[in-house]
Amino acid sequence: MHDIARFITGFKKFQQRYFCDDSSLFDELKDGQHPKTLVVACIDSRVDPAILTGSSPGDLLVVRNVANLVPPYEPEGGHHGVSAALEHGVTKLEVEHVIVLGHSCCGGIQALLAPRDEHGDHTEFLGKWVGIAEHARTQTLRELTHKTPEQQHRACEQAAILISLENLLTFPWIKERVETGRLFLHGWYFDMQRGELSSYLPESASFEPLAPRCR
């Protein structure tokens, strides 16, 4: 119950700031939202996009799932939560940027890299979901055989971001907007050990620091 009490106290601070002291922001937001950026992020409790970017209510449209994955465009059947969120953000709200925000120490990628007898067979949903990034797993284990588990993990986390970026372009209404310059895709990686944010640069085929580690 301690956490619940803390959450209520936190809401009261939020309430005081945005409704009691100055309600002008929500006076505007109650009539609709107009975020310019959609972030696909992990459910990890340590990696909140709004906190990491210092955003205010209304700034970000956020989609969170295990390992910040984007599935390929598959309109047939099923329930497609991530795809529905992308469709709403891109075609209805007309965001201008989509960021895939990955991070270090990701439990979803750890599950992906687990030996086959520990992964998939003992979960109802997790194994199939992280299987979206199966190519990142096979590539990492093939190319980094002699690297440490930590190095493999980091490489797979970053490779999974690239798979999600590729999958974004399988959505026709995303691809068309990217090609006409109305939408920009970004792959970001938050290193929580170093406190560093990097972005994937196609020109160098590598993740380069956006905000290097503080000294």
N, C-alpha and C. Protein backbone atom coordinates (compact mmCIF):
# COMPACT_ATOMS: atom_id res chain seq x y z
N MET A 1 0.81 -1.22 0.00
CA MET A 1 0.00 0.00 0.00
C MET A 1 0.85 1.27 0.00
N HIS A 2 2.13 1.10 0.38
CA HIS A 2 2.99 2.28 0.41
C HIS A 2 3.09 2.90 -0.98
N ASP A 3 3.26 2.07 -2.00
CA ASP A 3 3.37 2.59 -3.36
C ASP A 3 2.10 3.33 -3.77
N ILE A 4 0.94 2.76 -3.43
CA ILE A 4 -0.33 3.38 -3.81
C ILE A 4 -0.46 4.76 -3.16
N ALA A 5 -0.11 4.83 -1.88
CA ALA A 5 -0.16 6.11 -1.19
C ALA A 5 0.78 7.12 -1.84
N ARG A 6 1.96 6.64 -2.26
CA ARG A 6 2.93 7.53 -2.91
C ARG A 6 2.41 8.01 -4.25
N PHE A 7 1.72 7.13 -4.96
CA PHE A 7 1.16 7.53 -6.26
C PHE A 7 0.09 8.60 -6.08
N ILE A 8 -0.73 8.45 -5.05
CA ILE A 8 -1.78 9.43 -4.80
C ILE A 8 -1.16 10.79 -4.43
N THR A 9 -0.12 10.73 -3.61
CA THR A 9 0.59 11.97 -3.27
C THR A 9 1.19 12.61 -4.51
N GLY A 10 1.74 11.76 -5.39
CA GLY A 10 2.29 12.27 -6.65
C GLY A 10 1.23 12.92 -7.52
N PHE A 11 0.04 12.29 -7.57
CA PHE A 11 -1.03 12.89 -8.36
C PHE A 11 -1.45 14.24 -7.79
N LYS A 12 -1.47 14.36 -6.48
CA LYS A 12 -1.85 15.63 -5.87
C LYS A 12 -0.87 16.74 -6.25
N LYS A 13 0.42 16.38 -6.38
CA LYS A 13 1.41 17.37 -6.83
C LYS A 13 1.15 17.75 -8.28
N PHE A 14 0.83 16.74 -9.11
CA PHE A 14 0.48 16.99 -10.51
C PHE A 14 -0.76 17.87 -10.58
N GLN A 15 -1.74 17.55 -9.78
CA GLN A 15 -3.00 18.31 -9.73
C GLN A 15 -2.75 19.76 -9.34
N GLN A 16 -1.90 19.94 -8.35
CA GLN A 16 -1.59 21.29 -7.89
C GLN A 16 -0.92 22.10 -9.00
N ARG A 17 0.02 21.45 -9.71
CA ARG A 17 0.79 22.15 -10.74
C ARG A 17 -0.06 22.50 -11.95
N TYR A 18 -0.86 21.52 -12.42
CA TYR A 18 -1.54 21.71 -13.70
C TYR A 18 -3.01 22.13 -13.60
N PHE A 19 -3.57 22.10 -12.41
CA PHE A 19 -4.97 22.47 -12.28
C PHE A 19 -5.21 23.56 -11.24
N CYS A 20 -4.46 23.52 -10.15
CA CYS A 20 -4.67 24.52 -9.10
C CYS A 20 -3.85 25.79 -9.34
N ASP A 21 -2.54 25.60 -9.60
CA ASP A 21 -1.67 26.77 -9.80
C ASP A 21 -1.91 27.44 -11.15
N ASP A 22 -2.00 26.63 -12.18
CA ASP A 22 -2.16 27.18 -13.53
C ASP A 22 -2.80 26.11 -14.41
N SER A 23 -4.05 26.29 -14.76
CA SER A 23 -4.79 25.28 -15.53
C SER A 23 -4.78 25.56 -17.03
N SER A 24 -3.96 26.51 -17.48
CA SER A 24 -4.02 26.94 -18.89
C SER A 24 -3.65 25.81 -19.86
N LEU A 25 -2.68 24.94 -19.47
CA LEU A 25 -2.28 23.86 -20.38
C LEU A 25 -3.44 22.90 -20.63
N PHE A 26 -4.11 22.47 -19.57
CA PHE A 26 -5.21 21.52 -19.75
C PHE A 26 -6.47 22.20 -20.25
N ASP A 27 -6.56 23.52 -20.10
CA ASP A 27 -7.66 24.24 -20.74
C ASP A 27 -7.54 24.10 -22.26
N GLU A 28 -6.30 24.05 -22.74
CA GLU A 28 -6.07 23.84 -24.18
C GLU A 28 -6.19 22.37 -24.56
N LEU A 29 -5.61 21.48 -23.74
CA LEU A 29 -5.58 20.07 -24.07
C LEU A 29 -6.94 19.40 -24.03
N LYS A 30 -7.86 19.92 -23.23
CA LYS A 30 -9.17 19.27 -23.14
C LYS A 30 -9.93 19.33 -24.46
N ASP A 31 -9.54 20.22 -25.34
CA ASP A 31 -10.19 20.33 -26.65
C ASP A 31 -9.53 19.46 -27.71
N GLY A 32 -8.45 18.77 -27.35
CA GLY A 32 -7.78 17.89 -28.30
C GLY A 32 -6.28 17.91 -28.12
N GLN A 33 -5.63 16.88 -28.64
CA GLN A 33 -4.18 16.79 -28.54
C GLN A 33 -3.55 16.97 -29.92
N HIS A 34 -2.35 17.54 -29.92
CA HIS A 34 -1.66 17.79 -31.18
C HIS A 34 -0.17 17.50 -31.05
N PRO A 35 0.17 16.30 -30.57
CA PRO A 35 1.59 15.98 -30.44
C PRO A 35 2.25 15.87 -31.81
N LYS A 36 3.50 16.23 -31.88
CA LYS A 36 4.25 16.15 -33.13
C LYS A 36 5.12 14.89 -33.19
N THR A 37 5.22 14.18 -32.07
CA THR A 37 6.13 13.03 -32.00
C THR A 37 5.45 11.83 -31.36
N LEU A 38 5.65 10.68 -31.97
CA LEU A 38 5.20 9.41 -31.41
C LEU A 38 6.42 8.60 -31.04
N VAL A 39 6.43 8.04 -29.83
CA VAL A 39 7.55 7.24 -29.35
C VAL A 39 7.09 5.81 -29.12
N VAL A 40 7.82 4.86 -29.70
CA VAL A 40 7.61 3.45 -29.39
C VAL A 40 8.68 3.08 -28.37
N ALA A 41 8.26 2.80 -27.15
CA ALA A 41 9.19 2.57 -26.06
C ALA A 41 8.90 1.25 -25.36
N CYS A 42 9.82 0.85 -24.51
CA CYS A 42 9.69 -0.39 -23.74
C CYS A 42 8.83 -0.15 -22.50
N ILE A 43 8.22 -1.22 -22.01
CA ILE A 43 7.44 -1.11 -20.78
C ILE A 43 8.31 -1.00 -19.54
N ASP A 44 9.60 -1.16 -19.68
CA ASP A 44 10.53 -1.13 -18.55
C ASP A 44 10.27 0.10 -17.67
N SER A 45 10.15 -0.13 -16.37
CA SER A 45 9.81 0.95 -15.44
C SER A 45 10.91 2.00 -15.31
N ARG A 46 12.10 1.67 -15.79
CA ARG A 46 13.23 2.60 -15.68
C ARG A 46 13.34 3.53 -16.88
N VAL A 47 12.50 3.30 -17.89
CA VAL A 47 12.68 4.01 -19.16
C VAL A 47 11.37 4.66 -19.57
N ASP A 48 11.03 5.76 -18.92
CA ASP A 48 9.80 6.48 -19.23
C ASP A 48 10.14 7.61 -20.22
N PRO A 49 9.60 7.55 -21.44
CA PRO A 49 9.97 8.55 -22.45
C PRO A 49 9.72 9.99 -22.02
N ALA A 50 8.62 10.23 -21.32
CA ALA A 50 8.31 11.60 -20.91
C ALA A 50 9.33 12.11 -19.90
N ILE A 51 9.74 11.24 -18.98
CA ILE A 51 10.74 11.65 -17.99
C ILE A 51 12.10 11.85 -18.66
N LEU A 52 12.48 10.90 -19.54
CA LEU A 52 13.79 10.98 -20.19
C LEU A 52 13.93 12.23 -21.05
N THR A 53 12.84 12.68 -21.66
CA THR A 53 12.90 13.84 -22.56
C THR A 53 12.40 15.12 -21.92
N GLY A 54 12.02 15.08 -20.65
CA GLY A 54 11.54 16.28 -19.99
C GLY A 54 10.28 16.83 -20.61
N SER A 55 9.40 15.95 -21.07
CA SER A 55 8.19 16.38 -21.78
C SER A 55 7.05 16.72 -20.83
N SER A 56 6.16 17.54 -21.32
CA SER A 56 4.95 17.92 -20.59
C SER A 56 3.76 17.17 -21.17
N PRO A 57 2.62 17.15 -20.45
CA PRO A 57 1.41 16.54 -21.01
C PRO A 57 1.10 17.13 -22.39
N GLY A 58 0.78 16.25 -23.34
CA GLY A 58 0.45 16.70 -24.68
C GLY A 58 1.62 16.72 -25.65
N ASP A 59 2.85 16.53 -25.14
CA ASP A 59 4.02 16.61 -26.02
C ASP A 59 4.26 15.33 -26.82
N LEU A 60 4.03 14.17 -26.18
CA LEU A 60 4.38 12.89 -26.79
C LEU A 60 3.18 11.96 -26.88
N LEU A 61 3.08 11.25 -28.00
CA LEU A 61 2.18 10.12 -28.11
C LEU A 61 3.06 8.90 -27.88
N VAL A 62 2.74 8.09 -26.87
CA VAL A 62 3.65 7.02 -26.46
C VAL A 62 2.98 5.65 -26.59
N VAL A 63 3.70 4.73 -27.25
CA VAL A 63 3.29 3.33 -27.36
C VAL A 63 4.34 2.51 -26.65
N ARG A 64 3.94 1.75 -25.63
CA ARG A 64 4.92 0.97 -24.88
C ARG A 64 4.59 -0.51 -24.95
N ASN A 65 5.62 -1.30 -25.15
CA ASN A 65 5.47 -2.76 -25.17
C ASN A 65 6.80 -3.39 -24.79
N VAL A 66 6.83 -4.70 -24.62
CA VAL A 66 8.06 -5.39 -24.27
C VAL A 66 9.08 -5.22 -25.40
N ALA A 67 10.23 -4.65 -25.06
CA ALA A 67 11.38 -4.49 -25.97
C ALA A 67 11.14 -3.48 -27.08
N ASN A 68 10.19 -2.58 -26.89
CA ASN A 68 9.94 -1.48 -27.85
C ASN A 68 9.94 -1.96 -29.31
N LEU A 69 9.14 -2.98 -29.57
CA LEU A 69 9.12 -3.59 -30.90
C LEU A 69 7.95 -3.08 -31.74
N VAL A 70 8.19 -2.97 -33.03
CA VAL A 70 7.14 -2.68 -34.00
C VAL A 70 6.97 -3.92 -34.87
N PRO A 71 5.78 -4.52 -34.89
CA PRO A 71 5.56 -5.68 -35.77
C PRO A 71 5.45 -5.22 -37.22
N PRO A 72 5.61 -6.13 -38.16
CA PRO A 72 5.40 -5.75 -39.56
C PRO A 72 3.92 -5.50 -39.84
N TYR A 73 3.64 -4.84 -40.93
CA TYR A 73 2.28 -4.55 -41.36
C TYR A 73 1.55 -5.86 -41.68
N GLU A 74 0.54 -6.17 -40.88
CA GLU A 74 -0.24 -7.40 -41.05
C GLU A 74 -1.71 -7.07 -40.79
N PRO A 75 -2.44 -6.59 -41.79
CA PRO A 75 -3.82 -6.14 -41.57
C PRO A 75 -4.83 -7.27 -41.37
N GLU A 76 -4.43 -8.51 -41.61
CA GLU A 76 -5.39 -9.60 -41.53
C GLU A 76 -5.58 -10.08 -40.09
N GLY A 77 -6.81 -10.03 -39.60
CA GLY A 77 -7.18 -10.66 -38.33
C GLY A 77 -6.40 -10.17 -37.12
N GLY A 78 -6.75 -10.74 -35.97
CA GLY A 78 -6.03 -10.48 -34.74
C GLY A 78 -6.28 -9.10 -34.15
N HIS A 79 -5.64 -8.86 -33.01
CA HIS A 79 -5.71 -7.57 -32.34
C HIS A 79 -4.33 -6.92 -32.46
N HIS A 80 -4.29 -5.75 -33.05
CA HIS A 80 -3.02 -5.11 -33.37
C HIS A 80 -2.90 -3.78 -32.63
N GLY A 81 -2.53 -3.86 -31.36
CA GLY A 81 -2.46 -2.65 -30.54
C GLY A 81 -1.43 -1.65 -31.02
N VAL A 82 -0.20 -2.13 -31.31
CA VAL A 82 0.84 -1.22 -31.77
C VAL A 82 0.48 -0.62 -33.12
N SER A 83 -0.02 -1.46 -34.02
CA SER A 83 -0.39 -0.99 -35.36
C SER A 83 -1.52 0.03 -35.29
N ALA A 84 -2.49 -0.21 -34.42
CA ALA A 84 -3.60 0.72 -34.27
C ALA A 84 -3.11 2.07 -33.74
N ALA A 85 -2.17 2.03 -32.79
CA ALA A 85 -1.62 3.27 -32.24
C ALA A 85 -0.84 4.03 -33.31
N LEU A 86 -0.07 3.30 -34.12
CA LEU A 86 0.66 3.94 -35.21
C LEU A 86 -0.30 4.58 -36.20
N GLU A 87 -1.35 3.85 -36.56
CA GLU A 87 -2.33 4.39 -37.51
C GLU A 87 -2.97 5.66 -36.98
N HIS A 88 -3.34 5.64 -35.70
CA HIS A 88 -3.98 6.82 -35.11
C HIS A 88 -3.00 8.00 -35.09
N GLY A 89 -1.77 7.74 -34.65
CA GLY A 89 -0.80 8.82 -34.55
C GLY A 89 -0.39 9.39 -35.89
N VAL A 90 -0.20 8.51 -36.87
CA VAL A 90 0.31 8.95 -38.17
C VAL A 90 -0.79 9.51 -39.07
N THR A 91 -1.91 8.80 -39.17
CA THR A 91 -2.93 9.21 -40.13
C THR A 91 -3.98 10.16 -39.55
N LYS A 92 -4.20 10.11 -38.24
CA LYS A 92 -5.22 10.97 -37.64
C LYS A 92 -4.60 12.21 -36.98
N LEU A 93 -3.60 11.99 -36.15
CA LEU A 93 -2.96 13.12 -35.48
C LEU A 93 -1.83 13.73 -36.31
N GLU A 94 -1.39 13.00 -37.33
CA GLU A 94 -0.37 13.49 -38.26
C GLU A 94 0.92 13.92 -37.55
N VAL A 95 1.45 13.02 -36.73
CA VAL A 95 2.74 13.30 -36.10
C VAL A 95 3.81 13.45 -37.18
N GLU A 96 4.86 14.16 -36.84
CA GLU A 96 5.93 14.43 -37.80
C GLU A 96 7.16 13.56 -37.56
N HIS A 97 7.24 12.95 -36.37
CA HIS A 97 8.38 12.11 -36.02
C HIS A 97 7.90 10.84 -35.33
N VAL A 98 8.54 9.73 -35.64
CA VAL A 98 8.34 8.48 -34.90
C VAL A 98 9.71 8.04 -34.40
N ILE A 99 9.82 7.89 -33.09
CA ILE A 99 11.08 7.47 -32.46
C ILE A 99 10.91 6.07 -31.90
N VAL A 100 11.79 5.15 -32.28
CA VAL A 100 11.87 3.86 -31.61
C VAL A 100 12.95 4.00 -30.55
N LEU A 101 12.54 3.93 -29.30
CA LEU A 101 13.45 4.19 -28.17
C LEU A 101 13.80 2.87 -27.47
N GLY A 102 14.98 2.35 -27.76
CA GLY A 102 15.47 1.16 -27.08
C GLY A 102 16.35 1.54 -25.91
N HIS A 103 16.79 0.52 -25.17
CA HIS A 103 17.60 0.83 -23.98
C HIS A 103 18.45 -0.37 -23.57
N SER A 104 19.44 -0.10 -22.75
CA SER A 104 20.29 -1.15 -22.22
C SER A 104 19.57 -1.92 -21.11
N CYS A 105 20.09 -3.07 -20.78
CA CYS A 105 19.54 -3.92 -19.70
C CYS A 105 18.08 -4.29 -19.96
N CYS A 106 17.73 -4.53 -21.23
CA CYS A 106 16.34 -4.80 -21.59
C CYS A 106 15.98 -6.26 -21.33
N GLY A 107 14.99 -6.49 -20.48
CA GLY A 107 14.56 -7.84 -20.16
C GLY A 107 13.94 -8.56 -21.34
N GLY A 108 13.27 -7.81 -22.22
CA GLY A 108 12.68 -8.43 -23.40
C GLY A 108 13.74 -9.00 -24.33
N ILE A 109 14.83 -8.26 -24.52
CA ILE A 109 15.92 -8.75 -25.35
C ILE A 109 16.65 -9.89 -24.65
N GLN A 110 16.71 -9.84 -23.34
CA GLN A 110 17.30 -10.95 -22.59
C GLN A 110 16.50 -12.24 -22.84
N ALA A 111 15.16 -12.11 -22.88
CA ALA A 111 14.32 -13.26 -23.17
C ALA A 111 14.54 -13.75 -24.59
N LEU A 112 14.74 -12.82 -25.52
CA LEU A 112 14.99 -13.19 -26.91
C LEU A 112 16.29 -13.97 -27.03
N LEU A 113 17.32 -13.57 -26.30
CA LEU A 113 18.63 -14.19 -26.39
C LEU A 113 18.76 -15.46 -25.57
N ALA A 114 17.77 -15.75 -24.74
CA ALA A 114 17.84 -16.93 -23.88
C ALA A 114 17.92 -18.20 -24.74
N PRO A 115 18.55 -19.24 -24.22
CA PRO A 115 18.57 -20.52 -24.95
C PRO A 115 17.16 -20.97 -25.30
N ARG A 116 17.03 -21.69 -26.37
CA ARG A 116 15.71 -22.07 -26.86
C ARG A 116 14.88 -22.82 -25.82
N ASP A 117 15.52 -23.60 -24.96
CA ASP A 117 14.74 -24.35 -23.98
C ASP A 117 14.28 -23.48 -22.82
N GLU A 118 14.77 -22.22 -22.79
CA GLU A 118 14.33 -21.30 -21.74
C GLU A 118 13.45 -20.19 -22.30
N HIS A 119 13.24 -20.21 -23.59
CA HIS A 119 12.56 -19.09 -24.24
C HIS A 119 11.40 -19.58 -25.10
N GLY A 120 10.26 -19.01 -24.89
CA GLY A 120 9.14 -19.31 -25.77
C GLY A 120 8.25 -20.44 -25.28
N ASP A 121 8.83 -21.60 -24.99
CA ASP A 121 8.02 -22.75 -24.62
C ASP A 121 7.31 -22.58 -23.29
N HIS A 122 7.85 -21.75 -22.41
CA HIS A 122 7.29 -21.62 -21.07
C HIS A 122 6.53 -20.32 -20.88
N THR A 123 6.25 -19.61 -21.94
CA THR A 123 5.46 -18.38 -21.86
C THR A 123 4.32 -18.45 -22.86
N GLU A 124 3.23 -17.82 -22.49
CA GLU A 124 2.09 -17.80 -23.40
C GLU A 124 2.25 -16.77 -24.50
N PHE A 125 2.81 -15.63 -24.15
CA PHE A 125 2.84 -14.51 -25.09
C PHE A 125 4.23 -13.94 -25.35
N LEU A 126 5.09 -13.97 -24.34
CA LEU A 126 6.37 -13.27 -24.42
C LEU A 126 7.25 -13.79 -25.54
N GLY A 127 7.39 -15.11 -25.63
CA GLY A 127 8.28 -15.68 -26.62
C GLY A 127 7.89 -15.32 -28.04
N LYS A 128 6.60 -15.41 -28.32
CA LYS A 128 6.13 -15.09 -29.67
C LYS A 128 6.32 -13.61 -29.96
N TRP A 129 6.07 -12.78 -28.95
CA TRP A 129 6.19 -11.33 -29.17
C TRP A 129 7.62 -10.93 -29.49
N VAL A 130 8.59 -11.33 -28.65
CA VAL A 130 9.97 -10.92 -28.89
C VAL A 130 10.53 -11.60 -30.14
N GLY A 131 9.86 -12.65 -30.61
CA GLY A 131 10.26 -13.29 -31.86
C GLY A 131 10.19 -12.36 -33.05
N ILE A 132 9.50 -11.23 -32.91
CA ILE A 132 9.51 -10.21 -33.96
C ILE A 132 10.95 -9.83 -34.31
N ALA A 133 11.83 -9.88 -33.31
CA ALA A 133 13.23 -9.49 -33.50
C ALA A 133 14.14 -10.70 -33.63
N GLU A 134 13.62 -11.81 -34.07
CA GLU A 134 14.42 -13.04 -34.18
C GLU A 134 15.67 -12.84 -35.06
N HIS A 135 15.53 -12.05 -36.11
CA HIS A 135 16.70 -11.82 -36.98
C HIS A 135 17.82 -11.12 -36.21
N ALA A 136 17.46 -10.22 -35.29
CA ALA A 136 18.48 -9.55 -34.47
C ALA A 136 19.22 -10.58 -33.62
N ARG A 137 18.49 -11.55 -33.11
CA ARG A 137 19.10 -12.61 -32.30
C ARG A 137 20.07 -13.44 -33.12
N THR A 138 19.62 -13.94 -34.25
CA THR A 138 20.48 -14.81 -35.05
C THR A 138 21.69 -14.06 -35.58
N GLN A 139 21.50 -12.81 -35.97
CA GLN A 139 22.61 -12.01 -36.46
C GLN A 139 23.65 -11.78 -35.37
N THR A 140 23.17 -11.46 -34.18
CA THR A 140 24.08 -11.19 -33.06
C THR A 140 24.88 -12.43 -32.70
N LEU A 141 24.20 -13.56 -32.57
CA LEU A 141 24.89 -14.78 -32.16
C LEU A 141 25.82 -15.30 -33.26
N ARG A 142 25.51 -14.99 -34.52
CA ARG A 142 26.36 -15.43 -35.62
C ARG A 142 27.61 -14.55 -35.73
N GLU A 143 27.43 -13.24 -35.59
CA GLU A 143 28.54 -12.32 -35.84
C GLU A 143 29.37 -12.01 -34.60
N LEU A 144 28.79 -12.22 -33.42
CA LEU A 144 29.50 -11.86 -32.19
C LEU A 144 29.69 -13.08 -31.28
N THR A 145 30.01 -14.19 -31.90
CA THR A 145 30.15 -15.46 -31.17
C THR A 145 31.12 -15.37 -30.02
N HIS A 146 32.23 -14.68 -30.22
CA HIS A 146 33.31 -14.66 -29.21
C HIS A 146 33.23 -13.43 -28.29
N LYS A 147 32.17 -12.65 -28.41
CA LYS A 147 32.01 -11.49 -27.54
C LYS A 147 31.38 -11.91 -26.21
N THR A 148 31.46 -11.03 -25.23
CA THR A 148 30.87 -11.32 -23.93
C THR A 148 29.35 -11.27 -24.02
N PRO A 149 28.64 -11.90 -23.08
CA PRO A 149 27.18 -11.80 -23.08
C PRO A 149 26.70 -10.36 -23.02
N GLU A 150 27.41 -9.52 -22.28
CA GLU A 150 27.02 -8.11 -22.19
C GLU A 150 27.13 -7.43 -23.55
N GLN A 151 28.18 -7.70 -24.29
CA GLN A 151 28.35 -7.11 -25.61
C GLN A 151 27.31 -7.63 -26.59
N GLN A 152 27.00 -8.91 -26.49
CA GLN A 152 25.96 -9.50 -27.34
C GLN A 152 24.60 -8.88 -27.04
N HIS A 153 24.33 -8.70 -25.75
CA HIS A 153 23.05 -8.13 -25.33
C HIS A 153 22.89 -6.72 -25.90
N ARG A 154 23.90 -5.91 -25.76
CA ARG A 154 23.85 -4.53 -26.26
C ARG A 154 23.66 -4.51 -27.78
N ALA A 155 24.41 -5.35 -28.46
CA ALA A 155 24.31 -5.40 -29.92
C ALA A 155 22.91 -5.83 -30.36
N CYS A 156 22.34 -6.80 -29.66
CA CYS A 156 21.01 -7.27 -30.01
C CYS A 156 19.95 -6.21 -29.71
N GLU A 157 20.11 -5.48 -28.62
CA GLU A 157 19.19 -4.38 -28.32
C GLU A 157 19.17 -3.36 -29.44
N GLN A 158 20.35 -3.02 -29.94
CA GLN A 158 20.42 -2.03 -31.01
C GLN A 158 19.95 -2.59 -32.34
N ALA A 159 20.24 -3.86 -32.60
CA ALA A 159 19.77 -4.49 -33.84
C ALA A 159 18.26 -4.58 -33.87
N ALA A 160 17.65 -4.79 -32.71
CA ALA A 160 16.18 -4.87 -32.63
C ALA A 160 15.54 -3.52 -32.97
N ILE A 161 16.20 -2.44 -32.60
CA ILE A 161 15.70 -1.11 -32.97
C ILE A 161 15.65 -0.97 -34.49
N LEU A 162 16.68 -1.46 -35.16
CA LEU A 162 16.74 -1.36 -36.62
C LEU A 162 15.65 -2.20 -37.27
N ILE A 163 15.34 -3.35 -36.68
CA ILE A 163 14.26 -4.18 -37.20
C ILE A 163 12.93 -3.43 -37.09
N SER A 164 12.71 -2.77 -35.97
CA SER A 164 11.47 -2.00 -35.81
C SER A 164 11.40 -0.86 -36.81
N LEU A 165 12.53 -0.20 -37.08
CA LEU A 165 12.54 0.86 -38.10
C LEU A 165 12.20 0.29 -39.48
N GLU A 166 12.74 -0.88 -39.79
CA GLU A 166 12.42 -1.53 -41.06
C GLU A 166 10.94 -1.89 -41.13
N ASN A 167 10.42 -2.41 -40.02
CA ASN A 167 9.01 -2.80 -40.00
C ASN A 167 8.08 -1.60 -40.14
N LEU A 168 8.50 -0.45 -39.61
CA LEU A 168 7.68 0.76 -39.78
C LEU A 168 7.44 1.06 -41.25
N LEU A 169 8.44 0.81 -42.07
CA LEU A 169 8.33 1.12 -43.50
C LEU A 169 7.49 0.11 -44.27
N THR A 170 7.06 -0.96 -43.60
CA THR A 170 6.13 -1.89 -44.27
C THR A 170 4.69 -1.39 -44.20
N PHE A 171 4.44 -0.36 -43.38
CA PHE A 171 3.11 0.25 -43.32
C PHE A 171 3.01 1.25 -44.47
N PRO A 172 2.10 1.05 -45.40
CA PRO A 172 2.08 1.91 -46.60
C PRO A 172 1.90 3.39 -46.30
N TRP A 173 1.10 3.73 -45.31
CA TRP A 173 0.86 5.13 -44.99
C TRP A 173 2.02 5.75 -44.22
N ILE A 174 2.90 4.94 -43.66
CA ILE A 174 4.14 5.46 -43.08
C ILE A 174 5.17 5.64 -44.19
N LYS A 175 5.34 4.62 -45.03
CA LYS A 175 6.32 4.68 -46.11
C LYS A 175 6.07 5.87 -47.02
N GLU A 176 4.81 6.10 -47.36
CA GLU A 176 4.47 7.20 -48.26
C GLU A 176 4.83 8.55 -47.64
N ARG A 177 4.58 8.70 -46.35
CA ARG A 177 4.87 9.96 -45.68
C ARG A 177 6.38 10.16 -45.51
N VAL A 178 7.10 9.09 -45.27
CA VAL A 178 8.56 9.21 -45.16
C VAL A 178 9.15 9.62 -46.51
N GLU A 179 8.68 9.00 -47.57
CA GLU A 179 9.22 9.28 -48.91
C GLU A 179 8.92 10.71 -49.37
N THR A 180 7.82 11.29 -48.88
CA THR A 180 7.47 12.65 -49.27
C THR A 180 7.93 13.70 -48.26
N GLY A 181 8.67 13.27 -47.24
CA GLY A 181 9.24 14.21 -46.29
C GLY A 181 8.29 14.75 -45.25
N ARG A 182 7.15 14.07 -45.08
CA ARG A 182 6.18 14.52 -44.07
C ARG A 182 6.35 13.80 -42.74
N LEU A 183 7.17 12.75 -42.73
CA LEU A 183 7.37 11.96 -41.51
C LEU A 183 8.83 11.52 -41.45
N PHE A 184 9.41 11.60 -40.25
CA PHE A 184 10.81 11.23 -40.07
C PHE A 184 10.91 10.14 -39.00
N LEU A 185 11.71 9.12 -39.27
CA LEU A 185 11.88 8.00 -38.36
C LEU A 185 13.23 8.10 -37.67
N HIS A 186 13.26 7.75 -36.38
CA HIS A 186 14.48 7.85 -35.59
C HIS A 186 14.65 6.58 -34.74
N GLY A 187 15.86 6.10 -34.65
CA GLY A 187 16.18 5.00 -33.75
C GLY A 187 17.08 5.49 -32.64
N TRP A 188 16.58 5.52 -31.42
CA TRP A 188 17.34 6.02 -30.27
C TRP A 188 17.65 4.89 -29.30
N TYR A 189 18.78 5.02 -28.62
CA TYR A 189 19.20 4.00 -27.65
C TYR A 189 19.66 4.70 -26.37
N PHE A 190 18.99 4.37 -25.26
CA PHE A 190 19.33 4.94 -23.96
C PHE A 190 20.20 3.95 -23.20
N ASP A 191 21.42 4.35 -22.91
CA ASP A 191 22.35 3.54 -22.12
C ASP A 191 22.22 3.97 -20.67
N MET A 192 21.53 3.17 -19.88
CA MET A 192 21.27 3.60 -18.50
C MET A 192 22.49 3.46 -17.61
N GLN A 193 23.47 2.63 -18.00
CA GLN A 193 24.69 2.57 -17.21
C GLN A 193 25.50 3.86 -17.36
N ARG A 194 25.53 4.39 -18.58
CA ARG A 194 26.33 5.58 -18.84
C ARG A 194 25.53 6.87 -18.76
N GLY A 195 24.21 6.76 -18.76
CA GLY A 195 23.39 7.96 -18.80
C GLY A 195 23.55 8.68 -20.12
N GLU A 196 23.56 7.90 -21.21
CA GLU A 196 23.86 8.45 -22.53
C GLU A 196 22.76 8.11 -23.51
N LEU A 197 22.43 9.04 -24.40
CA LEU A 197 21.43 8.81 -25.44
C LEU A 197 22.10 8.87 -26.80
N SER A 198 21.87 7.81 -27.61
CA SER A 198 22.46 7.74 -28.94
C SER A 198 21.37 7.61 -29.99
N SER A 199 21.72 7.96 -31.22
CA SER A 199 20.79 7.86 -32.35
C SER A 199 21.47 7.10 -33.48
N TYR A 200 20.70 6.28 -34.18
CA TYR A 200 21.26 5.53 -35.31
C TYR A 200 21.42 6.45 -36.51
N LEU A 201 22.62 6.43 -37.09
CA LEU A 201 22.90 7.23 -38.27
C LEU A 201 23.14 6.29 -39.45
N PRO A 202 22.25 6.29 -40.44
CA PRO A 202 22.43 5.41 -41.60
C PRO A 202 23.76 5.64 -42.32
N GLU A 203 24.23 6.89 -42.31
CA GLU A 203 25.47 7.22 -43.02
C GLU A 203 26.66 6.43 -42.48
N SER A 204 26.71 6.25 -41.18
CA SER A 204 27.82 5.51 -40.57
C SER A 204 27.42 4.10 -40.14
N ALA A 205 26.11 3.79 -40.30
CA ALA A 205 25.58 2.48 -39.88
C ALA A 205 25.94 2.18 -38.43
N SER A 206 25.82 3.20 -37.58
CA SER A 206 26.15 3.03 -36.18
C SER A 206 25.33 3.99 -35.32
N PHE A 207 25.31 3.71 -34.03
CA PHE A 207 24.64 4.60 -33.08
C PHE A 207 25.65 5.62 -32.58
N GLU A 208 25.33 6.88 -32.76
CA GLU A 208 26.22 7.96 -32.36
C GLU A 208 25.57 8.80 -31.27
N PRO A 209 26.34 9.29 -30.30
CA PRO A 209 25.77 10.02 -29.17
C PRO A 209 25.01 11.28 -29.57
N LEU A 210 23.80 11.40 -29.07
CA LEU A 210 23.04 12.65 -29.15
C LEU A 210 23.31 13.50 -27.93
N ALA A 211 23.40 12.82 -26.81
CA ALA A 211 23.71 13.48 -25.53
C ALA A 211 24.75 12.60 -24.83
N PRO A 212 26.05 12.90 -25.04
CA PRO A 212 27.10 12.08 -24.44
C PRO A 212 27.02 12.06 -22.93
N ARG A 213 27.69 11.10 -22.36
CA ARG A 213 27.72 10.96 -20.91
C ARG A 213 28.23 12.22 -20.24
N CYS A 214 27.53 12.62 -19.18
CA CYS A 214 27.96 13.80 -18.44
C CYS A 214 29.26 13.50 -17.70
N ARG A 215 30.07 14.51 -17.51
CA ARG A 215 31.37 14.32 -16.86
C ARG A 215 31.31 14.79 -15.42
